[in-house]
Amino acid sequence: ADGSNFTGDGVSQIVGGVTVDGSVTSENLELAAGGAISGTATIGGTMVWSGGTLYGVLTIAQDWSTHGIGHEITAFYGLDHAQTLAIIWPGVARNRMAGKLAKLVQYGQRVWGLSGADAEVAEAAIEKTEQFFTTVGCPTRLSAYKVDAGEAAKRVSERFVARGQGGIGERGDITTEEVAKIILSRR
């Protein structure tokens, strides 16, 4: 529908003759021939662009929580950033599985060739990724680097609180308590 702002769930379509002058927020978006967005588009999932016009800023929701947690572990314990990503990503993926299930399943199917029930594919994809990290010399547990997970969870969480960081992640729903749980899961 024409208007200044648009928010949609599922797959939203902006097609011929429809112009959104303000913001567009959608989980999945199809911008088709003749459709136009002249403001900001924030997409949480997939965007299909087949001939419409986008005049403005396109933002794809991204989760940088693994990086943020990893940076703190690097600062406190001196691990390389690649090492902290290999440690933390599986914890974030498991902790946020409910909200990331579709993307984890897609990843498992496309990268690892997995099939089956969604939750099983998602978990197997995480396991396969951990195995891969290990085979290239990046252990996926804090204990492999002699880092105490309890201490790391406390220090990183306290750092986030001291900085006034609320929730992190693409939805802003990973609280400092969840950060601690993620780190503790990576003992």
N, C-alpha and C. Protein backbone atom coordinates (compact mmCIF):
# COMPACT_ATOMS: atom_id res chain seq x y z
N ALA A 1 0.84 -1.19 0.00
CA ALA A 1 0.00 0.00 0.00
C ALA A 1 0.87 1.24 0.00
N ASP A 2 0.40 2.27 -0.70
CA ASP A 2 1.13 3.53 -0.71
C ASP A 2 1.10 4.12 0.69
N GLY A 3 2.14 4.84 1.01
CA GLY A 3 2.17 5.48 2.31
C GLY A 3 3.57 5.87 2.71
N SER A 4 3.66 6.38 3.94
CA SER A 4 4.94 6.89 4.39
C SER A 4 5.79 5.82 5.06
N ASN A 5 5.21 4.80 5.63
CA ASN A 5 5.95 3.74 6.30
C ASN A 5 5.24 2.42 6.07
N PHE A 6 6.02 1.34 6.10
CA PHE A 6 5.44 0.02 5.90
C PHE A 6 6.18 -0.98 6.77
N THR A 7 5.45 -1.81 7.48
CA THR A 7 6.03 -2.90 8.26
C THR A 7 5.26 -4.16 7.90
N GLY A 8 6.02 -5.24 7.61
CA GLY A 8 5.36 -6.47 7.23
C GLY A 8 6.07 -7.69 7.80
N ASP A 9 5.32 -8.77 7.95
CA ASP A 9 5.87 -10.05 8.39
C ASP A 9 5.80 -11.01 7.21
N GLY A 10 6.51 -12.13 7.32
CA GLY A 10 6.48 -13.10 6.24
C GLY A 10 7.20 -12.55 5.03
N VAL A 11 6.58 -12.67 3.85
CA VAL A 11 7.15 -12.10 2.63
C VAL A 11 6.29 -10.90 2.24
N SER A 12 6.92 -9.73 2.21
CA SER A 12 6.22 -8.51 1.82
C SER A 12 6.59 -8.19 0.39
N GLN A 13 5.61 -7.72 -0.39
CA GLN A 13 5.86 -7.38 -1.79
C GLN A 13 5.54 -5.91 -2.02
N ILE A 14 6.46 -5.23 -2.68
CA ILE A 14 6.21 -3.87 -3.13
C ILE A 14 6.33 -3.96 -4.64
N VAL A 15 5.20 -3.78 -5.32
CA VAL A 15 5.12 -4.06 -6.76
C VAL A 15 4.68 -2.83 -7.53
N GLY A 16 4.47 -3.00 -8.83
CA GLY A 16 4.13 -1.92 -9.75
C GLY A 16 3.14 -0.92 -9.21
N GLY A 17 3.51 0.36 -9.30
CA GLY A 17 2.63 1.43 -8.90
C GLY A 17 2.62 1.74 -7.42
N VAL A 18 3.33 0.96 -6.60
CA VAL A 18 3.36 1.20 -5.17
C VAL A 18 4.68 1.87 -4.80
N THR A 19 4.57 2.97 -4.08
CA THR A 19 5.75 3.70 -3.62
C THR A 19 5.63 3.88 -2.11
N VAL A 20 6.70 3.57 -1.41
CA VAL A 20 6.77 3.82 0.03
C VAL A 20 7.77 4.96 0.20
N ASP A 21 7.29 6.09 0.74
CA ASP A 21 8.13 7.27 0.88
C ASP A 21 8.94 7.27 2.17
N GLY A 22 8.60 6.44 3.11
CA GLY A 22 9.31 6.43 4.39
C GLY A 22 10.07 5.14 4.58
N SER A 23 9.97 4.58 5.74
CA SER A 23 10.74 3.38 6.06
C SER A 23 9.96 2.11 5.73
N VAL A 24 10.71 1.07 5.38
CA VAL A 24 10.16 -0.26 5.14
C VAL A 24 10.88 -1.21 6.07
N THR A 25 10.14 -1.94 6.86
CA THR A 25 10.71 -2.95 7.74
C THR A 25 9.99 -4.26 7.47
N SER A 26 10.76 -5.29 7.12
CA SER A 26 10.14 -6.55 6.76
C SER A 26 11.11 -7.69 7.03
N GLU A 27 10.59 -8.85 7.37
CA GLU A 27 11.45 -10.03 7.53
C GLU A 27 12.00 -10.44 6.17
N ASN A 28 11.15 -10.55 5.17
CA ASN A 28 11.55 -10.87 3.81
C ASN A 28 10.82 -9.91 2.89
N LEU A 29 11.51 -9.44 1.85
CA LEU A 29 10.93 -8.41 1.00
C LEU A 29 11.16 -8.74 -0.46
N GLU A 30 10.13 -8.54 -1.27
CA GLU A 30 10.27 -8.62 -2.72
C GLU A 30 9.94 -7.25 -3.28
N LEU A 31 10.94 -6.64 -3.92
CA LEU A 31 10.76 -5.36 -4.59
C LEU A 31 10.72 -5.66 -6.07
N ALA A 32 9.53 -5.56 -6.67
CA ALA A 32 9.32 -5.98 -8.05
C ALA A 32 9.15 -4.79 -8.97
N ALA A 33 9.10 -5.07 -10.27
CA ALA A 33 9.00 -4.03 -11.30
C ALA A 33 7.92 -3.02 -10.98
N GLY A 34 8.32 -1.75 -11.00
CA GLY A 34 7.37 -0.68 -10.77
C GLY A 34 7.22 -0.28 -9.33
N GLY A 35 7.68 -1.09 -8.39
CA GLY A 35 7.62 -0.73 -6.98
C GLY A 35 8.78 0.20 -6.64
N ALA A 36 8.61 1.01 -5.60
CA ALA A 36 9.67 1.94 -5.24
C ALA A 36 9.70 2.17 -3.74
N ILE A 37 10.91 2.33 -3.23
CA ILE A 37 11.12 2.70 -1.83
C ILE A 37 12.03 3.92 -1.87
N SER A 38 11.60 5.02 -1.28
CA SER A 38 12.44 6.22 -1.29
C SER A 38 12.94 6.56 0.10
N GLY A 39 12.87 5.62 1.01
CA GLY A 39 13.36 5.84 2.36
C GLY A 39 14.34 4.77 2.76
N THR A 40 14.22 4.29 3.96
CA THR A 40 15.11 3.28 4.50
C THR A 40 14.41 1.93 4.50
N ALA A 41 15.11 0.89 4.03
CA ALA A 41 14.57 -0.47 4.05
C ALA A 41 15.40 -1.31 5.01
N THR A 42 14.75 -1.90 5.99
CA THR A 42 15.42 -2.79 6.93
C THR A 42 14.85 -4.18 6.74
N ILE A 43 15.70 -5.13 6.37
CA ILE A 43 15.26 -6.47 6.03
C ILE A 43 15.90 -7.45 7.00
N GLY A 44 15.09 -8.30 7.63
CA GLY A 44 15.61 -9.27 8.58
C GLY A 44 16.04 -10.57 7.94
N GLY A 45 15.57 -10.86 6.76
CA GLY A 45 15.87 -12.14 6.13
C GLY A 45 16.38 -11.97 4.73
N THR A 46 15.54 -12.23 3.74
CA THR A 46 15.95 -12.25 2.34
C THR A 46 15.26 -11.14 1.57
N MET A 47 16.01 -10.51 0.66
CA MET A 47 15.42 -9.51 -0.22
C MET A 47 15.55 -10.00 -1.65
N VAL A 48 14.44 -10.01 -2.38
CA VAL A 48 14.45 -10.32 -3.80
C VAL A 48 14.19 -9.01 -4.52
N TRP A 49 15.12 -8.61 -5.37
CA TRP A 49 15.01 -7.34 -6.07
C TRP A 49 14.90 -7.65 -7.54
N SER A 50 13.71 -7.48 -8.10
CA SER A 50 13.50 -7.86 -9.50
C SER A 50 12.93 -6.72 -10.32
N GLY A 51 13.58 -5.57 -10.24
CA GLY A 51 13.20 -4.50 -11.15
C GLY A 51 12.57 -3.28 -10.50
N GLY A 52 12.42 -3.26 -9.21
CA GLY A 52 11.89 -2.07 -8.56
C GLY A 52 13.01 -1.05 -8.36
N THR A 53 12.68 0.05 -7.72
CA THR A 53 13.64 1.12 -7.50
C THR A 53 13.80 1.37 -6.01
N LEU A 54 15.04 1.49 -5.59
CA LEU A 54 15.35 1.76 -4.18
C LEU A 54 16.14 3.05 -4.13
N TYR A 55 15.51 4.10 -3.57
CA TYR A 55 16.19 5.39 -3.43
C TYR A 55 16.45 5.62 -1.95
N GLY A 56 17.46 5.21 -1.43
CA GLY A 56 17.67 5.44 0.00
C GLY A 56 18.67 4.47 0.55
N VAL A 57 18.43 4.07 1.75
CA VAL A 57 19.37 3.23 2.47
C VAL A 57 18.75 1.85 2.67
N LEU A 58 19.52 0.82 2.33
CA LEU A 58 19.08 -0.56 2.55
C LEU A 58 19.88 -1.12 3.71
N THR A 59 19.21 -1.61 4.71
CA THR A 59 19.86 -2.21 5.87
C THR A 59 19.41 -3.66 5.99
N ILE A 60 20.34 -4.58 5.96
CA ILE A 60 20.02 -5.98 6.21
C ILE A 60 20.39 -6.26 7.66
N ALA A 61 19.42 -6.74 8.43
CA ALA A 61 19.68 -7.02 9.84
C ALA A 61 20.83 -8.02 9.96
N GLN A 62 21.79 -7.69 10.80
CA GLN A 62 22.96 -8.54 10.98
C GLN A 62 23.23 -8.73 12.46
N ASP A 63 23.77 -9.88 12.78
CA ASP A 63 24.10 -10.18 14.17
C ASP A 63 25.62 -10.15 14.33
N TRP A 64 26.10 -9.15 15.03
CA TRP A 64 27.53 -9.01 15.30
C TRP A 64 27.86 -9.38 16.74
N SER A 65 26.96 -10.08 17.42
CA SER A 65 27.19 -10.41 18.83
C SER A 65 28.40 -11.31 19.03
N THR A 66 28.62 -12.27 18.12
CA THR A 66 29.79 -13.13 18.23
C THR A 66 31.06 -12.29 18.22
N HIS A 67 31.10 -11.32 17.34
CA HIS A 67 32.27 -10.45 17.25
C HIS A 67 32.45 -9.63 18.52
N GLY A 68 31.38 -9.05 19.02
CA GLY A 68 31.46 -8.23 20.22
C GLY A 68 31.95 -9.01 21.42
N ILE A 69 31.41 -10.20 21.61
CA ILE A 69 31.84 -11.05 22.72
C ILE A 69 33.29 -11.48 22.48
N GLY A 70 33.59 -11.85 21.25
CA GLY A 70 34.95 -12.27 20.90
C GLY A 70 35.98 -11.18 21.14
N HIS A 71 35.64 -9.93 20.80
CA HIS A 71 36.57 -8.82 21.01
C HIS A 71 36.93 -8.69 22.48
N GLU A 72 35.94 -8.87 23.35
CA GLU A 72 36.22 -8.76 24.78
C GLU A 72 37.12 -9.90 25.26
N ILE A 73 36.89 -11.09 24.77
CA ILE A 73 37.75 -12.22 25.16
C ILE A 73 39.18 -11.98 24.66
N THR A 74 39.30 -11.44 23.45
CA THR A 74 40.62 -11.07 22.93
C THR A 74 41.28 -10.05 23.86
N ALA A 75 40.54 -9.02 24.26
CA ALA A 75 41.10 -7.97 25.11
C ALA A 75 41.55 -8.52 26.46
N PHE A 76 40.75 -9.40 27.04
CA PHE A 76 41.08 -9.92 28.37
C PHE A 76 42.13 -11.04 28.35
N TYR A 77 42.12 -11.87 27.32
CA TYR A 77 42.94 -13.08 27.35
C TYR A 77 43.95 -13.19 26.21
N GLY A 78 43.94 -12.26 25.27
CA GLY A 78 44.94 -12.24 24.22
C GLY A 78 44.75 -13.27 23.11
N LEU A 79 43.60 -13.89 23.03
CA LEU A 79 43.36 -14.84 21.94
C LEU A 79 43.17 -14.07 20.64
N ASP A 80 43.54 -14.69 19.51
CA ASP A 80 43.29 -14.10 18.21
C ASP A 80 41.78 -14.00 18.00
N HIS A 81 41.39 -13.04 17.16
CA HIS A 81 39.95 -12.87 16.89
C HIS A 81 39.37 -14.12 16.23
N ALA A 82 40.11 -14.75 15.33
CA ALA A 82 39.61 -15.98 14.69
C ALA A 82 39.35 -17.05 15.74
N GLN A 83 40.23 -17.15 16.72
CA GLN A 83 40.04 -18.13 17.79
C GLN A 83 38.78 -17.84 18.58
N THR A 84 38.53 -16.57 18.90
CA THR A 84 37.34 -16.25 19.69
C THR A 84 36.06 -16.47 18.89
N LEU A 85 36.12 -16.23 17.58
CA LEU A 85 34.93 -16.49 16.75
C LEU A 85 34.62 -17.98 16.73
N ALA A 86 35.65 -18.81 16.60
CA ALA A 86 35.46 -20.27 16.59
C ALA A 86 34.91 -20.76 17.92
N ILE A 87 35.27 -20.10 18.99
CA ILE A 87 34.77 -20.47 20.32
C ILE A 87 33.33 -20.01 20.50
N ILE A 88 33.06 -18.75 20.22
CA ILE A 88 31.79 -18.12 20.59
C ILE A 88 30.65 -18.40 19.61
N TRP A 89 30.93 -18.47 18.30
CA TRP A 89 29.83 -18.64 17.34
C TRP A 89 28.93 -19.84 17.65
N PRO A 90 29.47 -21.02 17.95
CA PRO A 90 28.56 -22.14 18.25
C PRO A 90 27.66 -21.86 19.45
N GLY A 91 28.18 -21.15 20.43
CA GLY A 91 27.37 -20.81 21.61
C GLY A 91 26.25 -19.84 21.28
N VAL A 92 26.57 -18.84 20.45
CA VAL A 92 25.54 -17.89 20.02
C VAL A 92 24.49 -18.63 19.19
N ALA A 93 24.94 -19.46 18.26
CA ALA A 93 24.00 -20.18 17.38
C ALA A 93 23.04 -21.05 18.20
N ARG A 94 23.56 -21.73 19.20
CA ARG A 94 22.69 -22.58 20.03
C ARG A 94 21.79 -21.75 20.93
N ASN A 95 22.33 -20.70 21.52
CA ASN A 95 21.56 -19.86 22.43
C ASN A 95 20.42 -19.15 21.70
N ARG A 96 20.61 -18.79 20.46
CA ARG A 96 19.64 -18.05 19.68
C ARG A 96 18.93 -18.93 18.65
N MET A 97 19.03 -20.24 18.78
CA MET A 97 18.52 -21.15 17.76
C MET A 97 17.06 -20.89 17.39
N ALA A 98 16.22 -20.61 18.35
CA ALA A 98 14.80 -20.40 18.05
C ALA A 98 14.61 -19.27 17.04
N GLY A 99 15.32 -18.18 17.21
CA GLY A 99 15.18 -17.05 16.31
C GLY A 99 15.98 -17.17 15.03
N LYS A 100 16.95 -18.08 15.02
CA LYS A 100 17.83 -18.25 13.85
C LYS A 100 17.60 -19.58 13.14
N LEU A 101 16.57 -20.31 13.53
CA LEU A 101 16.38 -21.66 13.02
C LEU A 101 16.35 -21.72 11.49
N ALA A 102 15.59 -20.86 10.86
CA ALA A 102 15.47 -20.91 9.39
C ALA A 102 16.83 -20.70 8.73
N LYS A 103 17.61 -19.73 9.22
CA LYS A 103 18.93 -19.47 8.63
C LYS A 103 19.90 -20.60 8.93
N LEU A 104 19.84 -21.19 10.11
CA LEU A 104 20.71 -22.32 10.43
C LEU A 104 20.37 -23.54 9.58
N VAL A 105 19.09 -23.76 9.33
CA VAL A 105 18.67 -24.87 8.47
C VAL A 105 19.16 -24.61 7.04
N GLN A 106 18.95 -23.40 6.56
CA GLN A 106 19.42 -23.05 5.22
C GLN A 106 20.94 -23.25 5.12
N TYR A 107 21.67 -22.82 6.10
CA TYR A 107 23.12 -23.00 6.15
C TYR A 107 23.48 -24.49 6.14
N GLY A 108 22.81 -25.26 6.98
CA GLY A 108 23.08 -26.70 7.04
C GLY A 108 22.81 -27.40 5.72
N GLN A 109 21.74 -27.02 5.07
CA GLN A 109 21.39 -27.64 3.78
C GLN A 109 22.34 -27.21 2.68
N ARG A 110 22.60 -25.92 2.58
CA ARG A 110 23.40 -25.40 1.46
C ARG A 110 24.89 -25.64 1.61
N VAL A 111 25.41 -25.53 2.82
CA VAL A 111 26.86 -25.67 3.01
C VAL A 111 27.25 -27.11 3.31
N TRP A 112 26.49 -27.77 4.17
CA TRP A 112 26.86 -29.12 4.61
C TRP A 112 26.06 -30.22 3.95
N GLY A 113 25.05 -29.89 3.13
CA GLY A 113 24.26 -30.91 2.45
C GLY A 113 23.39 -31.73 3.38
N LEU A 114 22.96 -31.14 4.48
CA LEU A 114 22.18 -31.85 5.49
C LEU A 114 20.70 -31.87 5.13
N SER A 115 20.00 -32.86 5.63
CA SER A 115 18.55 -32.93 5.47
C SER A 115 17.97 -33.54 6.74
N GLY A 116 16.67 -33.36 6.91
CA GLY A 116 16.00 -33.89 8.09
C GLY A 116 15.14 -32.82 8.74
N ALA A 117 14.75 -33.09 9.98
CA ALA A 117 13.94 -32.14 10.74
C ALA A 117 14.75 -30.88 10.99
N ASP A 118 14.08 -29.74 11.00
CA ASP A 118 14.77 -28.46 11.12
C ASP A 118 15.73 -28.38 12.30
N ALA A 119 15.27 -28.72 13.49
CA ALA A 119 16.13 -28.61 14.67
C ALA A 119 17.35 -29.53 14.56
N GLU A 120 17.16 -30.71 13.98
CA GLU A 120 18.28 -31.63 13.80
C GLU A 120 19.29 -31.10 12.79
N VAL A 121 18.81 -30.52 11.71
CA VAL A 121 19.70 -29.95 10.69
C VAL A 121 20.48 -28.77 11.28
N ALA A 122 19.79 -27.92 12.04
CA ALA A 122 20.45 -26.77 12.65
C ALA A 122 21.55 -27.22 13.60
N GLU A 123 21.25 -28.16 14.47
CA GLU A 123 22.26 -28.65 15.42
C GLU A 123 23.41 -29.33 14.70
N ALA A 124 23.11 -30.13 13.70
CA ALA A 124 24.17 -30.81 12.94
C ALA A 124 25.05 -29.80 12.21
N ALA A 125 24.46 -28.71 11.72
CA ALA A 125 25.25 -27.67 11.05
C ALA A 125 26.22 -27.01 12.03
N ILE A 126 25.76 -26.77 13.25
CA ILE A 126 26.64 -26.20 14.27
C ILE A 126 27.76 -27.18 14.59
N GLU A 127 27.43 -28.45 14.76
CA GLU A 127 28.44 -29.47 15.05
C GLU A 127 29.45 -29.59 13.92
N LYS A 128 28.98 -29.59 12.67
CA LYS A 128 29.88 -29.68 11.52
C LYS A 128 30.82 -28.46 11.47
N THR A 129 30.29 -27.31 11.81
CA THR A 129 31.11 -26.10 11.82
C THR A 129 32.18 -26.19 12.91
N GLU A 130 31.79 -26.67 14.08
CA GLU A 130 32.78 -26.87 15.15
C GLU A 130 33.87 -27.85 14.71
N GLN A 131 33.47 -28.93 14.07
CA GLN A 131 34.45 -29.90 13.57
C GLN A 131 35.39 -29.25 12.55
N PHE A 132 34.83 -28.44 11.66
CA PHE A 132 35.66 -27.76 10.67
C PHE A 132 36.67 -26.83 11.35
N PHE A 133 36.19 -26.01 12.30
CA PHE A 133 37.11 -25.11 13.00
C PHE A 133 38.25 -25.90 13.64
N THR A 134 37.93 -27.02 14.24
CA THR A 134 38.94 -27.85 14.89
C THR A 134 39.95 -28.38 13.87
N THR A 135 39.47 -28.82 12.70
CA THR A 135 40.39 -29.38 11.69
C THR A 135 41.34 -28.33 11.12
N VAL A 136 40.97 -27.05 11.19
CA VAL A 136 41.88 -26.01 10.70
C VAL A 136 42.68 -25.37 11.84
N GLY A 137 42.66 -26.02 12.99
CA GLY A 137 43.50 -25.59 14.10
C GLY A 137 42.92 -24.55 15.02
N CYS A 138 41.60 -24.39 15.02
CA CYS A 138 40.94 -23.45 15.92
C CYS A 138 40.02 -24.21 16.86
N PRO A 139 40.52 -24.60 18.03
CA PRO A 139 39.64 -25.27 18.99
C PRO A 139 38.43 -24.40 19.33
N THR A 140 37.34 -25.03 19.69
CA THR A 140 36.09 -24.32 19.92
C THR A 140 35.68 -24.24 21.39
N ARG A 141 36.63 -24.46 22.27
CA ARG A 141 36.35 -24.40 23.71
C ARG A 141 37.37 -23.52 24.41
N LEU A 142 36.92 -22.74 25.37
CA LEU A 142 37.82 -21.88 26.13
C LEU A 142 38.90 -22.68 26.85
N SER A 143 38.55 -23.86 27.32
CA SER A 143 39.52 -24.68 28.05
C SER A 143 40.74 -25.04 27.21
N ALA A 144 40.59 -25.09 25.89
CA ALA A 144 41.73 -25.40 25.02
C ALA A 144 42.78 -24.31 25.10
N TYR A 145 42.39 -23.12 25.54
CA TYR A 145 43.31 -21.98 25.68
C TYR A 145 43.58 -21.66 27.15
N LYS A 146 43.16 -22.57 28.02
CA LYS A 146 43.33 -22.41 29.47
C LYS A 146 42.66 -21.14 30.00
N VAL A 147 41.48 -20.85 29.45
CA VAL A 147 40.68 -19.71 29.91
C VAL A 147 39.52 -20.26 30.72
N ASP A 148 39.36 -19.75 31.93
CA ASP A 148 38.26 -20.16 32.79
C ASP A 148 36.96 -19.51 32.31
N ALA A 149 36.01 -20.33 31.92
CA ALA A 149 34.75 -19.81 31.35
C ALA A 149 33.98 -18.98 32.37
N GLY A 150 33.97 -19.39 33.62
CA GLY A 150 33.26 -18.63 34.66
C GLY A 150 33.83 -17.23 34.81
N GLU A 151 35.14 -17.15 34.86
CA GLU A 151 35.79 -15.84 34.97
C GLU A 151 35.52 -15.00 33.72
N ALA A 152 35.65 -15.62 32.55
CA ALA A 152 35.42 -14.89 31.29
C ALA A 152 33.99 -14.39 31.22
N ALA A 153 33.02 -15.21 31.60
CA ALA A 153 31.61 -14.80 31.57
C ALA A 153 31.39 -13.59 32.46
N LYS A 154 31.98 -13.61 33.64
CA LYS A 154 31.84 -12.50 34.59
C LYS A 154 32.50 -11.24 34.04
N ARG A 155 33.72 -11.36 33.55
CA ARG A 155 34.45 -10.18 33.07
C ARG A 155 33.79 -9.55 31.85
N VAL A 156 33.40 -10.35 30.89
CA VAL A 156 32.78 -9.82 29.67
C VAL A 156 31.42 -9.19 29.99
N SER A 157 30.62 -9.87 30.79
CA SER A 157 29.32 -9.32 31.17
C SER A 157 29.48 -7.99 31.91
N GLU A 158 30.42 -7.94 32.84
CA GLU A 158 30.66 -6.70 33.58
C GLU A 158 31.12 -5.58 32.65
N ARG A 159 31.93 -5.91 31.66
CA ARG A 159 32.38 -4.91 30.69
C ARG A 159 31.19 -4.35 29.91
N PHE A 160 30.29 -5.23 29.48
CA PHE A 160 29.11 -4.77 28.74
C PHE A 160 28.25 -3.86 29.61
N VAL A 161 28.06 -4.23 30.88
CA VAL A 161 27.27 -3.41 31.81
C VAL A 161 27.95 -2.05 32.01
N ALA A 162 29.27 -2.05 32.21
CA ALA A 162 30.01 -0.81 32.44
C ALA A 162 29.89 0.14 31.25
N ARG A 163 29.77 -0.41 30.07
CA ARG A 163 29.63 0.42 28.86
C ARG A 163 28.19 0.82 28.60
N GLY A 164 27.29 0.30 29.40
CA GLY A 164 25.88 0.62 29.21
C GLY A 164 25.26 -0.07 28.01
N GLN A 165 25.89 -1.17 27.59
CA GLN A 165 25.34 -1.91 26.46
C GLN A 165 24.13 -2.70 26.93
N GLY A 166 23.02 -2.46 26.26
CA GLY A 166 21.83 -3.24 26.56
C GLY A 166 21.93 -4.55 25.80
N GLY A 167 20.87 -4.92 25.15
CA GLY A 167 20.90 -6.14 24.37
C GLY A 167 21.73 -5.98 23.10
N ILE A 168 22.39 -7.06 22.70
CA ILE A 168 23.16 -7.07 21.46
C ILE A 168 22.53 -8.07 20.51
N GLY A 169 23.06 -8.18 19.32
CA GLY A 169 22.49 -9.06 18.31
C GLY A 169 21.56 -8.28 17.41
N GLU A 170 21.14 -8.91 16.32
CA GLU A 170 20.31 -8.21 15.33
C GLU A 170 18.96 -7.79 15.88
N ARG A 171 18.49 -8.44 16.92
CA ARG A 171 17.20 -8.07 17.52
C ARG A 171 17.39 -7.32 18.84
N GLY A 172 18.65 -7.16 19.27
CA GLY A 172 18.92 -6.49 20.53
C GLY A 172 18.44 -7.28 21.73
N ASP A 173 18.31 -8.60 21.59
CA ASP A 173 17.73 -9.42 22.66
C ASP A 173 18.73 -10.33 23.37
N ILE A 174 20.01 -10.15 23.10
CA ILE A 174 21.02 -10.93 23.83
C ILE A 174 21.50 -10.06 24.98
N THR A 175 20.94 -10.30 26.15
CA THR A 175 21.24 -9.52 27.34
C THR A 175 22.60 -9.93 27.92
N THR A 176 23.07 -9.17 28.89
CA THR A 176 24.34 -9.54 29.53
C THR A 176 24.23 -10.91 30.21
N GLU A 177 23.04 -11.25 30.68
CA GLU A 177 22.85 -12.59 31.27
C GLU A 177 23.00 -13.67 30.20
N GLU A 178 22.47 -13.40 29.01
CA GLU A 178 22.61 -14.37 27.91
C GLU A 178 24.06 -14.44 27.43
N VAL A 179 24.76 -13.31 27.43
CA VAL A 179 26.19 -13.31 27.09
C VAL A 179 26.94 -14.25 28.04
N ALA A 180 26.65 -14.14 29.33
CA ALA A 180 27.31 -15.01 30.31
C ALA A 180 26.98 -16.48 30.03
N LYS A 181 25.71 -16.78 29.73
CA LYS A 181 25.32 -18.17 29.42
C LYS A 181 26.06 -18.69 28.18
N ILE A 182 26.18 -17.83 27.16
CA ILE A 182 26.88 -18.24 25.94
C ILE A 182 28.33 -18.58 26.27
N ILE A 183 28.99 -17.72 27.01
CA ILE A 183 30.40 -17.96 27.36
C ILE A 183 30.53 -19.21 28.22
N LEU A 184 29.66 -19.37 29.19
CA LEU A 184 29.71 -20.57 30.05
C LEU A 184 29.50 -21.85 29.25
N SER A 185 28.71 -21.77 28.18
CA SER A 185 28.48 -22.97 27.34
C SER A 185 29.70 -23.37 26.55
N ARG A 186 30.71 -22.51 26.53
CA ARG A 186 31.92 -22.76 25.73
C ARG A 186 33.10 -23.16 26.60
N ARG A 187 32.84 -23.77 27.76
CA ARG A 187 33.91 -24.18 28.71
C ARG A 187 35.03 -24.92 28.06
